[in-house]
Amino acid sequence: TFIDIPEKPFSDYAGTEIIKLQNNSPHPSTEGYYQI
């Protein structure tokens, strides 16, 4: 599961790329548990 609000790689990063962060790591999402 990913957090809805993406983050910049570091606080004063001036680029446009963002990082989608996982939520509740390292626990899988419902789909991840299905995959297991």
Full PDB file with SEQRES, HELIX, SHEET, SSBOND, CRYST1, ORIGX, SCALE, CONECT and MASTER records, all heavy atoms in Angstrom:
SEQRES   1 A   36  THR PHE ILE ASP ILE PRO GLU LYS PRO PHE SER ASP TYR          
SEQRES   2 A   36  ALA GLY THR GLU ILE ILE LYS LEU GLN ASN ASN SER PRO          
SEQRES   3 A   36  HIS PRO SER THR GLU GLY TYR TYR GLN ILE                      
HELIX    1 AA1 THR A   30  GLN A   35  1                                   6    
CRYST1    1.000    1.000    1.000  90.00  90.00  90.00 P 1           1          
ORIGX1      1.000000  0.000000  0.000000        0.00000                         
ORIGX2      0.000000  1.000000  0.000000        0.00000                         
ORIGX3      0.000000  0.000000  1.000000        0.00000                         
SCALE1      1.000000  0.000000  0.000000        0.00000                         
SCALE2      0.000000  1.000000  0.000000        0.00000                         
SCALE3      0.000000  0.000000  1.000000        0.00000                         
ATOM      1  N   THR A   1       0.860  -1.174   0.000  1.00  0.00           N  
ATOM      2  CA  THR A   1       0.000   0.000   0.000  1.00  0.00           C  
ATOM      3  C   THR A   1       0.902   1.231   0.000  1.00  0.00           C  
ATOM      4  O   THR A   1       1.886   1.279   0.735  1.00  0.00           O  
ATOM      5  CB  THR A   1      -0.893   0.021   1.253  1.00  0.00           C  
ATOM      6  OG1 THR A   1      -1.637  -1.185   1.302  1.00  0.00           O  
ATOM      7  CG2 THR A   1      -1.835   1.206   1.236  1.00  0.00           C  
ATOM      8  N   PHE A   2       0.557   2.222  -0.812  1.00  0.00           N  
ATOM      9  CA  PHE A   2       1.361   3.432  -0.885  1.00  0.00           C  
ATOM     10  C   PHE A   2       0.624   4.608  -0.254  1.00  0.00           C  
ATOM     11  O   PHE A   2      -0.597   4.678  -0.279  1.00  0.00           O  
ATOM     12  CB  PHE A   2       1.714   3.753  -2.344  1.00  0.00           C  
ATOM     13  CG  PHE A   2       2.725   2.804  -2.916  1.00  0.00           C  
ATOM     14  CD1 PHE A   2       2.327   1.627  -3.528  1.00  0.00           C  
ATOM     15  CD2 PHE A   2       4.074   3.078  -2.811  1.00  0.00           C  
ATOM     16  CE1 PHE A   2       3.260   0.740  -4.036  1.00  0.00           C  
ATOM     17  CE2 PHE A   2       5.017   2.188  -3.318  1.00  0.00           C  
ATOM     18  CZ  PHE A   2       4.607   1.022  -3.930  1.00  0.00           C  
ATOM     19  N   ILE A   3       1.392   5.521   0.293  1.00  0.00           N  
ATOM     20  CA  ILE A   3       0.858   6.742   0.873  1.00  0.00           C  
ATOM     21  C   ILE A   3       0.348   7.610  -0.270  1.00  0.00           C  
ATOM     22  O   ILE A   3       0.978   7.707  -1.322  1.00  0.00           O  
ATOM     23  CB  ILE A   3       1.958   7.470   1.670  1.00  0.00           C  
ATOM     24  CG1 ILE A   3       2.409   6.596   2.855  1.00  0.00           C  
ATOM     25  CG2 ILE A   3       1.495   8.831   2.148  1.00  0.00           C  
ATOM     26  CD1 ILE A   3       3.630   7.106   3.565  1.00  0.00           C  
ATOM     27  N   ASP A   4      -0.797   8.245  -0.083  1.00  0.00           N  
ATOM     28  CA  ASP A   4      -1.400   9.063  -1.134  1.00  0.00           C  
ATOM     29  C   ASP A   4      -0.570  10.283  -1.500  1.00  0.00           C  
ATOM     30  O   ASP A   4      -0.588  10.745  -2.625  1.00  0.00           O  
ATOM     31  CB  ASP A   4      -2.800   9.526  -0.724  1.00  0.00           C  
ATOM     32  CG  ASP A   4      -3.792   8.383  -0.699  1.00  0.00           C  
ATOM     33  OD1 ASP A   4      -3.547   7.360  -1.375  1.00  0.00           O  
ATOM     34  OD2 ASP A   4      -4.801   8.504  -0.005  1.00  0.00           O  
ATOM     35  N   ILE A   5       0.154  10.834  -0.555  1.00  0.00           N  
ATOM     36  CA  ILE A   5       0.933  12.046  -0.814  1.00  0.00           C  
ATOM     37  C   ILE A   5       2.378  11.631  -1.100  1.00  0.00           C  
ATOM     38  O   ILE A   5       3.078  11.156  -0.216  1.00  0.00           O  
ATOM     39  CB  ILE A   5       0.893  13.000   0.394  1.00  0.00           C  
ATOM     40  CG1 ILE A   5      -0.555  13.359   0.722  1.00  0.00           C  
ATOM     41  CG2 ILE A   5       1.732  14.244   0.128  1.00  0.00           C  
ATOM     42  CD1 ILE A   5      -0.725  14.076   2.031  1.00  0.00           C  
ATOM     43  N   PRO A   6       2.847  11.804  -2.342  1.00  0.00           N  
ATOM     44  CA  PRO A   6       4.234  11.446  -2.666  1.00  0.00           C  
ATOM     45  C   PRO A   6       5.219  12.418  -2.046  1.00  0.00           C  
ATOM     46  O   PRO A   6       4.861  13.545  -1.698  1.00  0.00           O  
ATOM     47  CB  PRO A   6       4.266  11.502  -4.188  1.00  0.00           C  
ATOM     48  CG  PRO A   6       3.132  12.369  -4.580  1.00  0.00           C  
ATOM     49  CD  PRO A   6       2.103  12.300  -3.477  1.00  0.00           C  
ATOM     50  N   GLU A   7       6.444  12.002  -1.916  1.00  0.00           N  
ATOM     51  CA  GLU A   7       7.495  12.803  -1.294  1.00  0.00           C  
ATOM     52  C   GLU A   7       8.597  13.112  -2.301  1.00  0.00           C  
ATOM     53  O   GLU A   7       8.833  12.352  -3.227  1.00  0.00           O  
ATOM     54  CB  GLU A   7       8.117  12.029  -0.122  1.00  0.00           C  
ATOM     55  CG  GLU A   7       7.191  11.787   1.029  1.00  0.00           C  
ATOM     56  CD  GLU A   7       6.991  13.007   1.895  1.00  0.00           C  
ATOM     57  OE1 GLU A   7       7.881  13.878   1.930  1.00  0.00           O  
ATOM     58  OE2 GLU A   7       5.933  13.097   2.527  1.00  0.00           O  
ATOM     59  N   LYS A   8       9.301  14.217  -2.077  1.00  0.00           N  
ATOM     60  CA  LYS A   8      10.505  14.508  -2.835  1.00  0.00           C  
ATOM     61  C   LYS A   8      11.636  13.650  -2.271  1.00  0.00           C  
ATOM     62  O   LYS A   8      11.609  13.278  -1.098  1.00  0.00           O  
ATOM     63  CB  LYS A   8      10.867  15.990  -2.704  1.00  0.00           C  
ATOM     64  CG  LYS A   8       9.893  16.919  -3.387  1.00  0.00           C  
ATOM     65  CD  LYS A   8      10.372  18.345  -3.256  1.00  0.00           C  
ATOM     66  CE  LYS A   8       9.462  19.280  -4.024  1.00  0.00           C  
ATOM     67  NZ  LYS A   8      10.002  20.651  -4.047  1.00  0.00           N  
ATOM     68  N   PRO A   9      12.654  13.357  -3.069  1.00  0.00           N  
ATOM     69  CA  PRO A   9      13.764  12.525  -2.571  1.00  0.00           C  
ATOM     70  C   PRO A   9      14.489  13.126  -1.381  1.00  0.00           C  
ATOM     71  O   PRO A   9      14.996  12.406  -0.543  1.00  0.00           O  
ATOM     72  CB  PRO A   9      14.685  12.404  -3.784  1.00  0.00           C  
ATOM     73  CG  PRO A   9      13.806  12.650  -4.958  1.00  0.00           C  
ATOM     74  CD  PRO A   9      12.768  13.621  -4.495  1.00  0.00           C  
ATOM     75  N   PHE A  10      14.576  14.452  -1.295  1.00  0.00           N  
ATOM     76  CA  PHE A  10      15.139  15.114  -0.127  1.00  0.00           C  
ATOM     77  C   PHE A  10      14.528  16.507  -0.028  1.00  0.00           C  
ATOM     78  O   PHE A  10      13.962  17.029  -0.992  1.00  0.00           O  
ATOM     79  CB  PHE A  10      16.672  15.150  -0.138  1.00  0.00           C  
ATOM     80  CG  PHE A  10      17.275  15.636  -1.427  1.00  0.00           C  
ATOM     81  CD1 PHE A  10      17.556  16.971  -1.627  1.00  0.00           C  
ATOM     82  CD2 PHE A  10      17.572  14.728  -2.442  1.00  0.00           C  
ATOM     83  CE1 PHE A  10      18.110  17.420  -2.803  1.00  0.00           C  
ATOM     84  CE2 PHE A  10      18.139  15.160  -3.634  1.00  0.00           C  
ATOM     85  CZ  PHE A  10      18.412  16.512  -3.818  1.00  0.00           C  
ATOM     86  N   SER A  11      14.635  17.129   1.132  1.00  0.00           N  
ATOM     87  CA  SER A  11      13.832  18.309   1.447  1.00  0.00           C  
ATOM     88  C   SER A  11      14.033  19.493   0.503  1.00  0.00           C  
ATOM     89  O   SER A  11      13.076  20.177   0.166  1.00  0.00           O  
ATOM     90  CB  SER A  11      14.067  18.747   2.890  1.00  0.00           C  
ATOM     91  OG  SER A  11      15.430  19.055   3.069  1.00  0.00           O  
ATOM     92  N   ASP A  12      15.244  19.777   0.052  1.00  0.00           N  
ATOM     93  CA  ASP A  12      15.436  20.938  -0.832  1.00  0.00           C  
ATOM     94  C   ASP A  12      15.625  20.526  -2.294  1.00  0.00           C  
ATOM     95  O   ASP A  12      16.221  21.255  -3.082  1.00  0.00           O  
ATOM     96  CB  ASP A  12      16.592  21.820  -0.345  1.00  0.00           C  
ATOM     97  CG  ASP A  12      17.895  21.061  -0.194  1.00  0.00           C  
ATOM     98  OD1 ASP A  12      17.885  19.817  -0.308  1.00  0.00           O  
ATOM     99  OD2 ASP A  12      18.923  21.710   0.038  1.00  0.00           O  
ATOM    100  N   TYR A  13      15.082  19.397  -2.655  1.00  0.00           N  
ATOM    101  CA  TYR A  13      15.140  18.904  -4.030  1.00  0.00           C  
ATOM    102  C   TYR A  13      14.344  19.829  -4.948  1.00  0.00           C  
ATOM    103  O   TYR A  13      13.193  20.151  -4.676  1.00  0.00           O  
ATOM    104  CB  TYR A  13      14.573  17.480  -4.073  1.00  0.00           C  
ATOM    105  CG  TYR A  13      14.500  16.856  -5.440  1.00  0.00           C  
ATOM    106  CD1 TYR A  13      15.658  16.504  -6.122  1.00  0.00           C  
ATOM    107  CD2 TYR A  13      13.272  16.600  -6.042  1.00  0.00           C  
ATOM    108  CE1 TYR A  13      15.594  15.899  -7.367  1.00  0.00           C  
ATOM    109  CE2 TYR A  13      13.205  15.997  -7.292  1.00  0.00           C  
ATOM    110  CZ  TYR A  13      14.370  15.654  -7.949  1.00  0.00           C  
ATOM    111  OH  TYR A  13      14.310  15.057  -9.182  1.00  0.00           O  
ATOM    112  N   ALA A  14      14.960  20.298  -6.047  1.00  0.00           N  
ATOM    113  CA  ALA A  14      14.316  21.257  -6.939  1.00  0.00           C  
ATOM    114  C   ALA A  14      13.716  20.594  -8.181  1.00  0.00           C  
ATOM    115  O   ALA A  14      13.039  21.254  -8.962  1.00  0.00           O  
ATOM    116  CB  ALA A  14      15.326  22.318  -7.370  1.00  0.00           C  
ATOM    117  N   GLY A  15      13.943  19.303  -8.362  1.00  0.00           N  
ATOM    118  CA  GLY A  15      13.443  18.608  -9.545  1.00  0.00           C  
ATOM    119  C   GLY A  15      11.963  18.289  -9.452  1.00  0.00           C  
ATOM    120  O   GLY A  15      11.277  18.657  -8.490  1.00  0.00           O  
ATOM    121  N   THR A  16      11.474  17.609 -10.441  1.00  0.00           N  
ATOM    122  CA  THR A  16      10.050  17.274 -10.497  1.00  0.00           C  
ATOM    123  C   THR A  16       9.759  15.819 -10.149  1.00  0.00           C  
ATOM    124  O   THR A  16       8.597  15.441 -10.012  1.00  0.00           O  
ATOM    125  CB  THR A  16       9.485  17.567 -11.899  1.00  0.00           C  
ATOM    126  OG1 THR A  16      10.213  16.784 -12.866  1.00  0.00           O  
ATOM    127  CG2 THR A  16       9.601  19.043 -12.228  1.00  0.00           C  
ATOM    128  N   GLU A  17      10.774  14.994 -10.060  1.00  0.00           N  
ATOM    129  CA  GLU A  17      10.560  13.581  -9.720  1.00  0.00           C  
ATOM    130  C   GLU A  17      10.082  13.460  -8.281  1.00  0.00           C  
ATOM    131  O   GLU A  17      10.506  14.217  -7.405  1.00  0.00           O  
ATOM    132  CB  GLU A  17      11.848  12.773  -9.900  1.00  0.00           C  
ATOM    133  CG  GLU A  17      12.334  12.697 -11.326  1.00  0.00           C  
ATOM    134  CD  GLU A  17      11.386  11.910 -12.208  1.00  0.00           C  
ATOM    135  OE1 GLU A  17      10.863  10.878 -11.755  1.00  0.00           O  
ATOM    136  OE2 GLU A  17      11.163  12.336 -13.360  1.00  0.00           O  
ATOM    137  N   ILE A  18       9.207  12.505  -8.038  1.00  0.00           N  
ATOM    138  CA  ILE A  18       8.718  12.249  -6.686  1.00  0.00           C  
ATOM    139  C   ILE A  18       8.868  10.779  -6.372  1.00  0.00           C  
ATOM    140  O   ILE A  18       9.058   9.949  -7.260  1.00  0.00           O  
ATOM    141  CB  ILE A  18       7.237  12.676  -6.526  1.00  0.00           C  
ATOM    142  CG1 ILE A  18       6.366  11.968  -7.573  1.00  0.00           C  
ATOM    143  CG2 ILE A  18       7.096  14.181  -6.619  1.00  0.00           C  
ATOM    144  CD1 ILE A  18       4.894  12.178  -7.389  1.00  0.00           C  
ATOM    145  N   ILE A  19       8.802  10.453  -5.111  1.00  0.00           N  
ATOM    146  CA  ILE A  19       8.888   9.072  -4.643  1.00  0.00           C  
ATOM    147  C   ILE A  19       7.553   8.712  -4.015  1.00  0.00           C  
ATOM    148  O   ILE A  19       7.061   9.420  -3.142  1.00  0.00           O  
ATOM    149  CB  ILE A  19      10.003   8.913  -3.585  1.00  0.00           C  
ATOM    150  CG1 ILE A  19      11.360   9.287  -4.176  1.00  0.00           C  
ATOM    151  CG2 ILE A  19      10.023   7.500  -3.032  1.00  0.00           C  
ATOM    152  CD1 ILE A  19      12.458   9.341  -3.127  1.00  0.00           C  
ATOM    153  N   LYS A  20       6.967   7.610  -4.480  1.00  0.00           N  
ATOM    154  CA  LYS A  20       5.775   7.105  -3.807  1.00  0.00           C  
ATOM    155  C   LYS A  20       6.248   6.241  -2.650  1.00  0.00           C  
ATOM    156  O   LYS A  20       7.054   5.340  -2.830  1.00  0.00           O  
ATOM    157  CB  LYS A  20       4.922   6.276  -4.779  1.00  0.00           C  
ATOM    158  CG  LYS A  20       4.201   7.113  -5.808  1.00  0.00           C  
ATOM    159  CD  LYS A  20       3.338   6.251  -6.691  1.00  0.00           C  
ATOM    160  CE  LYS A  20       2.143   5.766  -5.897  1.00  0.00           C  
ATOM    161  NZ  LYS A  20       1.175   5.008  -6.698  1.00  0.00           N  
ATOM    162  N   LEU A  21       5.771   6.524  -1.474  1.00  0.00           N  
ATOM    163  CA  LEU A  21       6.224   5.822  -0.286  1.00  0.00           C  
ATOM    164  C   LEU A  21       5.250   4.724   0.119  1.00  0.00           C  
ATOM    165  O   LEU A  21       4.041   4.904   0.064  1.00  0.00           O  
ATOM    166  CB  LEU A  21       6.392   6.805   0.875  1.00  0.00           C  
ATOM    167  CG  LEU A  21       7.403   7.919   0.630  1.00  0.00           C  
ATOM    168  CD1 LEU A  21       7.391   8.888   1.786  1.00  0.00           C  
ATOM    169  CD2 LEU A  21       8.785   7.340   0.419  1.00  0.00           C  
ATOM    170  N   GLN A  22       5.822   3.604   0.550  1.00  0.00           N  
ATOM    171  CA  GLN A  22       4.992   2.512   1.033  1.00  0.00           C  
ATOM    172  C   GLN A  22       4.485   2.852   2.423  1.00  0.00           C  
ATOM    173  O   GLN A  22       5.172   3.474   3.216  1.00  0.00           O  
ATOM    174  CB  GLN A  22       5.776   1.210   1.076  1.00  0.00           C  
ATOM    175  CG  GLN A  22       6.120   0.690  -0.292  1.00  0.00           C  
ATOM    176  CD  GLN A  22       6.951  -0.555  -0.219  1.00  0.00           C  
ATOM    177  OE1 GLN A  22       7.141  -1.121   0.837  1.00  0.00           O  
ATOM    178  NE2 GLN A  22       7.460  -0.985  -1.343  1.00  0.00           N  
ATOM    179  N   ASN A  23       3.288   2.407   2.703  1.00  0.00           N  
ATOM    180  CA  ASN A  23       2.670   2.603   3.994  1.00  0.00           C  
ATOM    181  C   ASN A  23       2.691   1.262   4.731  1.00  0.00           C  
ATOM    182  O   ASN A  23       2.490   0.222   4.126  1.00  0.00           O  
ATOM    183  CB  ASN A  23       1.226   3.087   3.788  1.00  0.00           C  
ATOM    184  CG  ASN A  23       0.561   3.469   5.069  1.00  0.00           C  
ATOM    185  OD1 ASN A  23       1.219   3.775   6.059  1.00  0.00           O  
ATOM    186  ND2 ASN A  23      -0.747   3.456   5.062  1.00  0.00           N  
ATOM    187  N   ASN A  24       2.949   1.289   6.015  1.00  0.00           N  
ATOM    188  CA  ASN A  24       2.930   0.087   6.853  1.00  0.00           C  
ATOM    189  C   ASN A  24       4.002  -0.914   6.439  1.00  0.00           C  
ATOM    190  O   ASN A  24       3.784  -2.110   6.448  1.00  0.00           O  
ATOM    191  CB  ASN A  24       1.541  -0.569   6.826  1.00  0.00           C  
ATOM    192  CG  ASN A  24       1.358  -1.565   7.945  1.00  0.00           C  
ATOM    193  OD1 ASN A  24       2.064  -1.539   8.945  1.00  0.00           O  
ATOM    194  ND2 ASN A  24       0.408  -2.463   7.778  1.00  0.00           N  
ATOM    195  N   SER A  25       5.161  -0.434   6.037  1.00  0.00           N  
ATOM    196  CA  SER A  25       6.254  -1.318   5.633  1.00  0.00           C  
ATOM    197  C   SER A  25       6.733  -2.123   6.813  1.00  0.00           C  
ATOM    198  O   SER A  25       6.763  -1.618   7.919  1.00  0.00           O  
ATOM    199  CB  SER A  25       7.407  -0.502   5.081  1.00  0.00           C  
ATOM    200  OG  SER A  25       7.005   0.108   3.893  1.00  0.00           O  
ATOM    201  N   PRO A  26       7.168  -3.343   6.635  1.00  0.00           N  
ATOM    202  CA  PRO A  26       7.263  -4.091   5.394  1.00  0.00           C  
ATOM    203  C   PRO A  26       6.025  -4.947   5.122  1.00  0.00           C  
ATOM    204  O   PRO A  26       6.079  -5.881   4.339  1.00  0.00           O  
ATOM    205  CB  PRO A  26       8.470  -4.981   5.636  1.00  0.00           C  
ATOM    206  CG  PRO A  26       8.351  -5.332   7.090  1.00  0.00           C  
ATOM    207  CD  PRO A  26       7.805  -4.074   7.743  1.00  0.00           C  
ATOM    208  N   HIS A  27       4.917  -4.637   5.773  1.00  0.00           N  
ATOM    209  CA  HIS A  27       3.724  -5.460   5.629  1.00  0.00           C  
ATOM    210  C   HIS A  27       3.093  -5.271   4.248  1.00  0.00           C  
ATOM    211  O   HIS A  27       2.916  -4.144   3.802  1.00  0.00           O  
ATOM    212  CB  HIS A  27       2.704  -5.114   6.710  1.00  0.00           C  
ATOM    213  CG  HIS A  27       3.279  -5.295   8.078  1.00  0.00           C  
ATOM    214  ND1 HIS A  27       3.691  -4.225   8.853  1.00  0.00           N  
ATOM    215  CD2 HIS A  27       3.534  -6.400   8.802  1.00  0.00           C  
ATOM    216  CE1 HIS A  27       4.172  -4.683  10.000  1.00  0.00           C  
ATOM    217  NE2 HIS A  27       4.092  -6.000   9.992  1.00  0.00           N  
ATOM    218  N   PRO A  28       2.738  -6.363   3.622  1.00  0.00           N  
ATOM    219  CA  PRO A  28       2.108  -6.268   2.300  1.00  0.00           C  
ATOM    220  C   PRO A  28       0.691  -5.700   2.383  1.00  0.00           C  
ATOM    221  O   PRO A  28       0.077  -5.663   3.441  1.00  0.00           O  
ATOM    222  CB  PRO A  28       2.059  -7.721   1.817  1.00  0.00           C  
ATOM    223  CG  PRO A  28       2.948  -8.484   2.716  1.00  0.00           C  
ATOM    224  CD  PRO A  28       3.015  -7.738   4.007  1.00  0.00           C  
ATOM    225  N   SER A  29       0.187  -5.307   1.226  1.00  0.00           N  
ATOM    226  CA  SER A  29      -1.216  -4.907   1.107  1.00  0.00           C  
ATOM    227  C   SER A  29      -2.061  -6.180   1.031  1.00  0.00           C  
ATOM    228  O   SER A  29      -1.538  -7.294   1.027  1.00  0.00           O  
ATOM    229  CB  SER A  29      -1.413  -4.097  -0.174  1.00  0.00           C  
ATOM    230  OG  SER A  29      -1.150  -4.914  -1.313  1.00  0.00           O  
ATOM    231  N   THR A  30      -3.363  -6.019   0.932  1.00  0.00           N  
ATOM    232  CA  THR A  30      -4.238  -7.183   0.757  1.00  0.00           C  
ATOM    233  C   THR A  30      -3.803  -7.974  -0.470  1.00  0.00           C  
ATOM    234  O   THR A  30      -3.707  -9.205  -0.426  1.00  0.00           O  
ATOM    235  CB  THR A  30      -5.704  -6.730   0.621  1.00  0.00           C  
ATOM    236  OG1 THR A  30      -6.058  -6.014   1.811  1.00  0.00           O  
ATOM    237  CG2 THR A  30      -6.639  -7.903   0.426  1.00  0.00           C  
ATOM    238  N   GLU A  31      -3.516  -7.281  -1.567  1.00  0.00           N  
ATOM    239  CA  GLU A  31      -3.038  -7.952  -2.783  1.00  0.00           C  
ATOM    240  C   GLU A  31      -1.721  -8.689  -2.533  1.00  0.00           C  
ATOM    241  O   GLU A  31      -1.507  -9.794  -3.022  1.00  0.00           O  
ATOM    242  CB  GLU A  31      -2.863  -6.938  -3.919  1.00  0.00           C  
ATOM    243  CG  GLU A  31      -2.296  -7.521  -5.197  1.00  0.00           C  
ATOM    244  CD  GLU A  31      -3.188  -8.553  -5.868  1.00  0.00           C  
ATOM    245  OE1 GLU A  31      -4.418  -8.484  -5.706  1.00  0.00           O  
ATOM    246  OE2 GLU A  31      -2.642  -9.448  -6.546  1.00  0.00           O  
ATOM    247  N   GLY A  32      -0.829  -8.080  -1.744  1.00  0.00           N  
ATOM    248  CA  GLY A  32       0.441  -8.727  -1.416  1.00  0.00           C  
ATOM    249  C   GLY A  32       0.243 -10.020  -0.642  1.00  0.00           C  
ATOM    250  O   GLY A  32       0.935 -11.019  -0.873  1.00  0.00           O  
ATOM    251  N   TYR A  33      -0.721 -10.014   0.285  1.00  0.00           N  
ATOM    252  CA  TYR A  33      -1.007 -11.249   1.020  1.00  0.00           C  
ATOM    253  C   TYR A  33      -1.594 -12.308   0.091  1.00  0.00           C  
ATOM    254  O   TYR A  33      -1.314 -13.494   0.236  1.00  0.00           O  
ATOM    255  CB  TYR A  33      -1.934 -10.978   2.208  1.00  0.00           C  
ATOM    256  CG  TYR A  33      -1.197 -10.356   3.372  1.00  0.00           C  
ATOM    257  CD1 TYR A  33      -1.445  -9.048   3.763  1.00  0.00           C  
ATOM    258  CD2 TYR A  33      -0.245 -11.082   4.084  1.00  0.00           C  
ATOM    259  CE1 TYR A  33      -0.767  -8.474   4.824  1.00  0.00           C  
ATOM    260  CE2 TYR A  33       0.441 -10.514   5.142  1.00  0.00           C  
ATOM    261  CZ  TYR A  33       0.178  -9.214   5.513  1.00  0.00           C  
ATOM    262  OH  TYR A  33       0.862  -8.658   6.572  1.00  0.00           O  
ATOM    263  N   TYR A  34      -2.387 -11.897  -0.871  1.00  0.00           N  
ATOM    264  CA  TYR A  34      -2.883 -12.852  -1.879  1.00  0.00           C  
ATOM    265  C   TYR A  34      -1.710 -13.453  -2.644  1.00  0.00           C  
ATOM    266  O   TYR A  34      -1.684 -14.651  -2.934  1.00  0.00           O  
ATOM    267  CB  TYR A  34      -3.840 -12.188  -2.862  1.00  0.00           C  
ATOM    268  CG  TYR A  34      -5.186 -11.806  -2.311  1.00  0.00           C  
ATOM    269  CD1 TYR A  34      -5.825 -10.658  -2.748  1.00  0.00           C  
ATOM    270  CD2 TYR A  34      -5.833 -12.588  -1.359  1.00  0.00           C  
ATOM    271  CE1 TYR A  34      -7.068 -10.288  -2.248  1.00  0.00           C  
ATOM    272  CE2 TYR A  34      -7.075 -12.231  -0.858  1.00  0.00           C  
ATOM    273  CZ  TYR A  34      -7.692 -11.081  -1.302  1.00  0.00           C  
ATOM    274  OH  TYR A  34      -8.914 -10.723  -0.806  1.00  0.00           O  
ATOM    275  N   GLN A  35      -0.739 -12.621  -2.998  1.00  0.00           N  
ATOM    276  CA  GLN A  35       0.430 -13.100  -3.738  1.00  0.00           C  
ATOM    277  C   GLN A  35       1.223 -14.115  -2.915  1.00  0.00           C  
ATOM    278  O   GLN A  35       1.679 -15.135  -3.439  1.00  0.00           O  
ATOM    279  CB  GLN A  35       1.305 -11.913  -4.151  1.00  0.00           C  
ATOM    280  CG  GLN A  35       0.623 -11.012  -5.155  1.00  0.00           C  
ATOM    281  CD  GLN A  35       1.297  -9.661  -5.301  1.00  0.00           C  
ATOM    282  OE1 GLN A  35       2.322  -9.377  -4.692  1.00  0.00           O  
ATOM    283  NE2 GLN A  35       0.701  -8.807  -6.134  1.00  0.00           N  
ATOM    284  N   ILE A  36       1.371 -13.858  -1.633  1.00  0.00           N  
ATOM    285  CA  ILE A  36       2.023 -14.833  -0.746  1.00  0.00           C  
ATOM    286  C   ILE A  36       1.207 -16.114  -0.710  1.00  0.00           C  
ATOM    287  O   ILE A  36       1.747 -17.219  -0.737  1.00  0.00           O  
ATOM    288  CB  ILE A  36       2.192 -14.252   0.667  1.00  0.00           C  
ATOM    289  CG1 ILE A  36       3.224 -13.128   0.662  1.00  0.00           C  
ATOM    290  CG2 ILE A  36       2.587 -15.337   1.665  1.00  0.00           C  
ATOM    291  CD1 ILE A  36       3.308 -12.362   1.965  1.00  0.00           C  
TER     292      ILE A  36                                                      
MASTER        0    0    0    1    0    0    0    6  291    1    0    3          
END                                                                             
